[in-house]
Structures are given as structure tokens and as C-alpha cells.
Amino acid sequence: MGRKGFTLIELLATILILSLLMLVAVPNVMSTIDKNKRDTYVEDAKRMITLAEYKVRSDTSIELPTSGNCIVLKLSSLDLSDFNEGPEGGSYNLANSYVVMARSGSTYKYYATIVENYDGTKRGLPLTSRENLNKSSARNEVLSGSELRVTTPSVGSKLSGFTVKKIIDS
């Protein structure tokens, strides 16, 4: 009489092979997802700088910083249509996500910080220059939890060695 089906040994061997494949595949997939989220923070920070540049150029009422000084453009003052939610599914912190436009000699330098609040914690980029955002290693600057120190700018305070002269919040 011919028996059809799998033996217990064959089923256990199949489960073992699938388990080994999962042990290899899951960490690789999770690592790739985390890298993509980190890249999203970097790209959003770059987009913030571009939006800040556009705002400063199009709004003639904004006084440009003088040498050694900077202005701060908070995320709430920029076009938020591209910032629906952060990579972790939370929302960007409008008070602590901002762009710093500083004057160094005859050139302007841009810095950005972006903070996402989600599930009772935070993740994002500390204040980082445009030059560093354009490097391939920029994703390594993304921090979370207590590692991410959030600085709320105020007029007269120092950011990246520049004195804050004005904060644009809307």
C-alpha cells in the first residue's frame, strides 16, 4: 500500500531549513529598513535647507545675517506639504526642527536639525552642516532617545559658533 505525504523527519528538516534562512534574512531586512529611515532624515534635512533658501530669497522682509551672525528658520515657518510624517510614523517637532542660515565672511552657510517625536521618544539629526549632509556618511549622524540633544534656539544664543540675531517662526 503506497503512503502519501511527508514523514515527521522531512517536516522537521524543512522547518529547520526555513528557520536558518529566517535567521539570516530578518537581520539584513531590518538593517536595510533602518538605513532607509536614516536616509530619510538626511533627505528631509536637505529639503528643509532648500525650502529655507527659497523663503529667504522670495521674502524680501527677511533681513540677511551679517558676518558672525545667523538667523533661524523653524520648520513651522516653511512649506510643510512635504513633511506629513517622519520615517518612524511620528510627527516632526516644529519647535526643535530648524535651519540656521549663517554668514561667514562673504558666504552663507546652512545647518539643519530635524527631530521626530514618536512613541514617547525622539529621533533625528543634530545640527549638521549642508556639507556634512551631502556626505555618504551623513546617515551615521542620526541619533535617537537621549543621544539626541535638542537645542531650542533663542535670540542671542550661539549655534555652531554664530550668534542668533532673529528667529523666524511663521
C-alpha atoms as a PDB file:
ATOM      1  CA  MET A   1       0.000   0.000   0.000  1.00  0.00           C
ATOM      2  CA  GLY A   2       1.588   3.335  -1.078  1.00  0.00           C
ATOM      3  CA  ARG A   3       1.726   6.025   1.578  1.00  0.00           C
ATOM      4  CA  LYS A   4       1.316   9.612   0.522  1.00  0.00           C
ATOM      5  CA  GLY A   5       2.518  12.632   2.480  1.00  0.00           C
ATOM      6  CA  PHE A   6       5.595  13.687   4.405  1.00  0.00           C
ATOM      7  CA  THR A   7       7.234  11.970   7.304  1.00  0.00           C
ATOM      8  CA  LEU A   8       7.844  13.760  10.566  1.00  0.00           C
ATOM      9  CA  ILE A   9      11.589  13.858   9.844  1.00  0.00           C
ATOM     10  CA  GLU A  10      11.022  15.522   6.466  1.00  0.00           C
ATOM     11  CA  LEU A  11       8.756  18.149   8.039  1.00  0.00           C
ATOM     12  CA  LEU A  12      11.266  18.877  10.817  1.00  0.00           C
ATOM     13  CA  ALA A  13      14.094  19.186   8.277  1.00  0.00           C
ATOM     14  CA  THR A  14      12.016  21.651   6.239  1.00  0.00           C
ATOM     15  CA  ILE A  15      11.203  23.727   9.326  1.00  0.00           C
ATOM     16  CA  LEU A  16      14.872  23.750  10.329  1.00  0.00           C
ATOM     17  CA  ILE A  17      15.983  24.942   6.876  1.00  0.00           C
ATOM     18  CA  LEU A  18      13.338  27.694   6.854  1.00  0.00           C
ATOM     19  CA  SER A  19      14.361  28.787  10.369  1.00  0.00           C
ATOM     20  CA  LEU A  20      18.001  29.077   9.310  1.00  0.00           C
ATOM     21  CA  LEU A  21      17.019  31.150   6.300  1.00  0.00           C
ATOM     22  CA  MET A  22      14.978  33.465   8.530  1.00  0.00           C
ATOM     23  CA  LEU A  23      17.914  33.862  10.932  1.00  0.00           C
ATOM     24  CA  VAL A  24      19.975  35.208   8.060  1.00  0.00           C
ATOM     25  CA  ALA A  25      17.299  37.194   6.206  1.00  0.00           C
ATOM     26  CA  VAL A  26      15.498  39.062   9.008  1.00  0.00           C
ATOM     27  CA  PRO A  27      18.523  40.991  10.370  1.00  0.00           C
ATOM     28  CA  ASN A  28      19.504  42.009   6.829  1.00  0.00           C
ATOM     29  CA  VAL A  29      15.996  43.255   6.080  1.00  0.00           C
ATOM     30  CA  MET A  30      15.803  45.148   9.393  1.00  0.00           C
ATOM     31  CA  SER A  31      19.206  46.742   8.757  1.00  0.00           C
ATOM     32  CA  THR A  32      18.098  47.871   5.300  1.00  0.00           C
ATOM     33  CA  ILE A  33      14.884  49.367   6.696  1.00  0.00           C
ATOM     34  CA  ASP A  34      16.840  51.275   9.364  1.00  0.00           C
ATOM     35  CA  LYS A  35      19.304  52.625   6.770  1.00  0.00           C
ATOM     36  CA  ASN A  36      16.384  53.827   4.649  1.00  0.00           C
ATOM     37  CA  LYS A  37      14.837  55.606   7.648  1.00  0.00           C
ATOM     38  CA  ARG A  38      18.167  57.263   8.443  1.00  0.00           C
ATOM     39  CA  ASP A  39      18.496  58.356   4.813  1.00  0.00           C
ATOM     40  CA  THR A  40      15.007  59.859   5.021  1.00  0.00           C
ATOM     41  CA  TYR A  41      16.067  62.092   7.939  1.00  0.00           C
ATOM     42  CA  VAL A  42      19.067  63.288   5.921  1.00  0.00           C
ATOM     43  CA  GLU A  43      16.973  63.953   2.809  1.00  0.00           C
ATOM     44  CA  ASP A  44      14.321  65.792   4.846  1.00  0.00           C
ATOM     45  CA  ALA A  45      17.040  67.985   6.402  1.00  0.00           C
ATOM     46  CA  LYS A  46      18.359  68.792   2.919  1.00  0.00           C
ATOM     47  CA  ARG A  47      14.824  69.614   1.795  1.00  0.00           C
ATOM     48  CA  MET A  48      14.440  71.935   4.806  1.00  0.00           C
ATOM     49  CA  ILE A  49      17.574  73.814   3.759  1.00  0.00           C
ATOM     50  CA  THR A  50      16.274  74.178   0.205  1.00  0.00           C
ATOM     51  CA  LEU A  51      12.913  75.466   1.483  1.00  0.00           C
ATOM     52  CA  ALA A  52      14.684  77.917   3.816  1.00  0.00           C
ATOM     53  CA  GLU A  53      16.812  79.232   0.939  1.00  0.00           C
ATOM     54  CA  TYR A  54      13.689  79.735  -1.148  1.00  0.00           C
ATOM     55  CA  LYS A  55      11.899  81.526   1.687  1.00  0.00           C
ATOM     56  CA  VAL A  56      14.829  83.882   2.323  1.00  0.00           C
ATOM     57  CA  ARG A  57      15.187  84.696  -1.366  1.00  0.00           C
ATOM     58  CA  SER A  58      11.466  85.194  -2.001  1.00  0.00           C
ATOM     59  CA  ASP A  59      10.610  87.155   1.181  1.00  0.00           C
ATOM     60  CA  THR A  60      12.416  90.493   0.994  1.00  0.00           C
ATOM     61  CA  SER A  61      11.303  91.389   4.542  1.00  0.00           C
ATOM     62  CA  ILE A  62      13.752  88.835   5.973  1.00  0.00           C
ATOM     63  CA  GLU A  63      16.957  90.608   6.912  1.00  0.00           C
ATOM     64  CA  LEU A  64      20.016  88.557   5.949  1.00  0.00           C
ATOM     65  CA  PRO A  65      22.533  87.854   8.703  1.00  0.00           C
ATOM     66  CA  THR A  66      25.751  89.843   8.977  1.00  0.00           C
ATOM     67  CA  SER A  67      29.169  88.265   9.412  1.00  0.00           C
ATOM     68  CA  GLY A  68      29.344  86.086  12.532  1.00  0.00           C
ATOM     69  CA  ASN A  69      25.572  86.107  12.954  1.00  0.00           C
ATOM     70  CA  CYS A  70      22.766  83.805  11.900  1.00  0.00           C
ATOM     71  CA  ILE A  71      19.026  83.609  11.516  1.00  0.00           C
ATOM     72  CA  VAL A  72      16.971  80.563  12.464  1.00  0.00           C
ATOM     73  CA  LEU A  73      14.058  79.405  10.327  1.00  0.00           C
ATOM     74  CA  LYS A  74      11.920  76.941  12.241  1.00  0.00           C
ATOM     75  CA  LEU A  75      10.207  74.113  10.385  1.00  0.00           C
ATOM     76  CA  SER A  76       6.850  75.739  11.196  1.00  0.00           C
ATOM     77  CA  SER A  77       7.833  78.731   9.020  1.00  0.00           C
ATOM     78  CA  LEU A  78       8.493  76.576   5.957  1.00  0.00           C
ATOM     79  CA  ASP A  79       6.168  74.902   3.464  1.00  0.00           C
ATOM     80  CA  LEU A  80       5.122  71.765   5.346  1.00  0.00           C
ATOM     81  CA  SER A  81       3.409  69.986   2.448  1.00  0.00           C
ATOM     82  CA  ASP A  82       6.365  67.574   2.137  1.00  0.00           C
ATOM     83  CA  PHE A  83       6.553  66.866   5.859  1.00  0.00           C
ATOM     84  CA  ASN A  84       3.385  64.876   6.572  1.00  0.00           C
ATOM     85  CA  GLU A  85       5.060  62.401   8.905  1.00  0.00           C
ATOM     86  CA  GLY A  86       8.526  61.236   9.844  1.00  0.00           C
ATOM     87  CA  PRO A  87      10.215  57.957   8.925  1.00  0.00           C
ATOM     88  CA  GLU A  88       9.141  56.309  12.202  1.00  0.00           C
ATOM     89  CA  GLY A  89       5.486  57.266  11.640  1.00  0.00           C
ATOM     90  CA  GLY A  90       5.528  60.126  14.153  1.00  0.00           C
ATOM     91  CA  SER A  91       5.463  63.859  13.555  1.00  0.00           C
ATOM     92  CA  TYR A  92       8.334  66.293  13.234  1.00  0.00           C
ATOM     93  CA  ASN A  93       8.813  68.593  16.219  1.00  0.00           C
ATOM     94  CA  LEU A  94       8.084  72.055  14.814  1.00  0.00           C
ATOM     95  CA  ALA A  95       9.817  73.906  17.653  1.00  0.00           C
ATOM     96  CA  ASN A  96      13.065  71.925  17.576  1.00  0.00           C
ATOM     97  CA  SER A  97      13.430  71.299  13.830  1.00  0.00           C
ATOM     98  CA  TYR A  98      15.004  74.271  12.127  1.00  0.00           C
ATOM     99  CA  VAL A  99      17.507  75.642   9.624  1.00  0.00           C
ATOM    100  CA  VAL A 100      20.315  78.006  10.584  1.00  0.00           C
ATOM    101  CA  MET A 101      21.477  80.452   7.927  1.00  0.00           C
ATOM    102  CA  ALA A 102      24.814  81.922   8.972  1.00  0.00           C
ATOM    103  CA  ARG A 103      27.139  84.415   7.379  1.00  0.00           C
ATOM    104  CA  SER A 104      30.816  83.585   7.406  1.00  0.00           C
ATOM    105  CA  GLY A 105      32.800  86.258   5.612  1.00  0.00           C
ATOM    106  CA  SER A 106      31.109  86.794   2.270  1.00  0.00           C
ATOM    107  CA  THR A 107      29.373  83.418   2.097  1.00  0.00           C
ATOM    108  CA  TYR A 108      26.287  81.932   3.701  1.00  0.00           C
ATOM    109  CA  LYS A 109      26.393  78.577   5.439  1.00  0.00           C
ATOM    110  CA  TYR A 110      23.390  76.418   6.171  1.00  0.00           C
ATOM    111  CA  TYR A 111      22.841  73.978   9.010  1.00  0.00           C
ATOM    112  CA  ALA A 112      19.768  71.893   9.763  1.00  0.00           C
ATOM    113  CA  THR A 113      18.407  69.895  12.646  1.00  0.00           C
ATOM    114  CA  ILE A 114      15.324  67.746  12.440  1.00  0.00           C
ATOM    115  CA  VAL A 115      13.584  65.951  15.292  1.00  0.00           C
ATOM    116  CA  GLU A 116      10.746  63.449  15.085  1.00  0.00           C
ATOM    117  CA  ASN A 117       8.594  62.564  18.075  1.00  0.00           C
ATOM    118  CA  TYR A 118       7.136  59.051  18.036  1.00  0.00           C
ATOM    119  CA  ASP A 119       6.004  56.520  20.631  1.00  0.00           C
ATOM    120  CA  GLY A 120       7.208  58.695  23.515  1.00  0.00           C
ATOM    121  CA  THR A 121      10.740  59.045  22.178  1.00  0.00           C
ATOM    122  CA  LYS A 122      12.585  61.140  19.611  1.00  0.00           C
ATOM    123  CA  ARG A 123      14.884  60.508  16.689  1.00  0.00           C
ATOM    124  CA  GLY A 124      16.573  62.795  14.216  1.00  0.00           C
ATOM    125  CA  LEU A 125      19.645  64.726  13.178  1.00  0.00           C
ATOM    126  CA  PRO A 126      21.500  67.117  15.460  1.00  0.00           C
ATOM    127  CA  LEU A 127      22.581  70.439  13.959  1.00  0.00           C
ATOM    128  CA  THR A 128      24.504  69.399  10.833  1.00  0.00           C
ATOM    129  CA  SER A 129      26.019  71.498   8.038  1.00  0.00           C
ATOM    130  CA  ARG A 130      24.902  71.200   4.449  1.00  0.00           C
ATOM    131  CA  GLU A 131      28.368  69.941   3.519  1.00  0.00           C
ATOM    132  CA  ASN A 132      28.070  67.066   6.006  1.00  0.00           C
ATOM    133  CA  LEU A 133      24.522  66.272   4.878  1.00  0.00           C
ATOM    134  CA  ASN A 134      25.872  65.751   1.353  1.00  0.00           C
ATOM    135  CA  LYS A 135      28.388  63.142   2.504  1.00  0.00           C
ATOM    136  CA  SER A 136      27.559  59.455   2.174  1.00  0.00           C
ATOM    137  CA  SER A 137      28.233  59.003   5.897  1.00  0.00           C
ATOM    138  CA  ALA A 138      25.523  61.509   6.904  1.00  0.00           C
ATOM    139  CA  ARG A 139      23.128  58.716   7.882  1.00  0.00           C
ATOM    140  CA  ASN A 140      25.518  57.837  10.711  1.00  0.00           C
ATOM    141  CA  GLU A 141      24.708  61.204  12.348  1.00  0.00           C
ATOM    142  CA  VAL A 142      21.087  60.192  13.034  1.00  0.00           C
ATOM    143  CA  LEU A 143      20.561  59.746  16.768  1.00  0.00           C
ATOM    144  CA  SER A 144      17.670  58.661  18.943  1.00  0.00           C
ATOM    145  CA  GLY A 145      16.464  58.930  22.510  1.00  0.00           C
ATOM    146  CA  SER A 146      18.796  60.590  24.996  1.00  0.00           C
ATOM    147  CA  GLU A 147      21.675  60.588  22.459  1.00  0.00           C
ATOM    148  CA  LEU A 148      19.830  63.293  20.500  1.00  0.00           C
ATOM    149  CA  ARG A 149      20.314  66.537  22.371  1.00  0.00           C
ATOM    150  CA  VAL A 150      17.652  69.007  21.330  1.00  0.00           C
ATOM    151  CA  THR A 151      18.606  72.678  21.436  1.00  0.00           C
ATOM    152  CA  THR A 152      15.839  75.260  21.309  1.00  0.00           C
ATOM    153  CA  PRO A 153      17.375  78.398  19.812  1.00  0.00           C
ATOM    154  CA  SER A 154      16.885  81.821  21.346  1.00  0.00           C
ATOM    155  CA  VAL A 155      17.943  85.288  20.228  1.00  0.00           C
ATOM    156  CA  GLY A 156      21.481  85.979  21.452  1.00  0.00           C
ATOM    157  CA  SER A 157      22.397  82.296  21.886  1.00  0.00           C
ATOM    158  CA  LYS A 158      25.182  80.609  19.941  1.00  0.00           C
ATOM    159  CA  LEU A 159      24.610  77.939  17.291  1.00  0.00           C
ATOM    160  CA  SER A 160      27.634  76.430  15.539  1.00  0.00           C
ATOM    161  CA  GLY A 161      29.697  79.420  16.662  1.00  0.00           C
ATOM    162  CA  PHE A 162      27.278  82.032  15.277  1.00  0.00           C
ATOM    163  CA  THR A 163      25.114  84.418  17.304  1.00  0.00           C
ATOM    164  CA  VAL A 164      21.356  84.105  16.690  1.00  0.00           C
ATOM    165  CA  LYS A 165      20.004  87.506  15.619  1.00  0.00           C
ATOM    166  CA  LYS A 166      16.496  86.510  14.573  1.00  0.00           C
ATOM    167  CA  ILE A 167      14.165  83.536  14.757  1.00  0.00           C
ATOM    168  CA  ILE A 168      11.536  83.132  12.057  1.00  0.00           C
ATOM    169  CA  ASP A 169       8.693  81.026  13.370  1.00  0.00           C
ATOM    170  CA  SER A 170       5.859  81.541  10.889  1.00  0.00           C
END
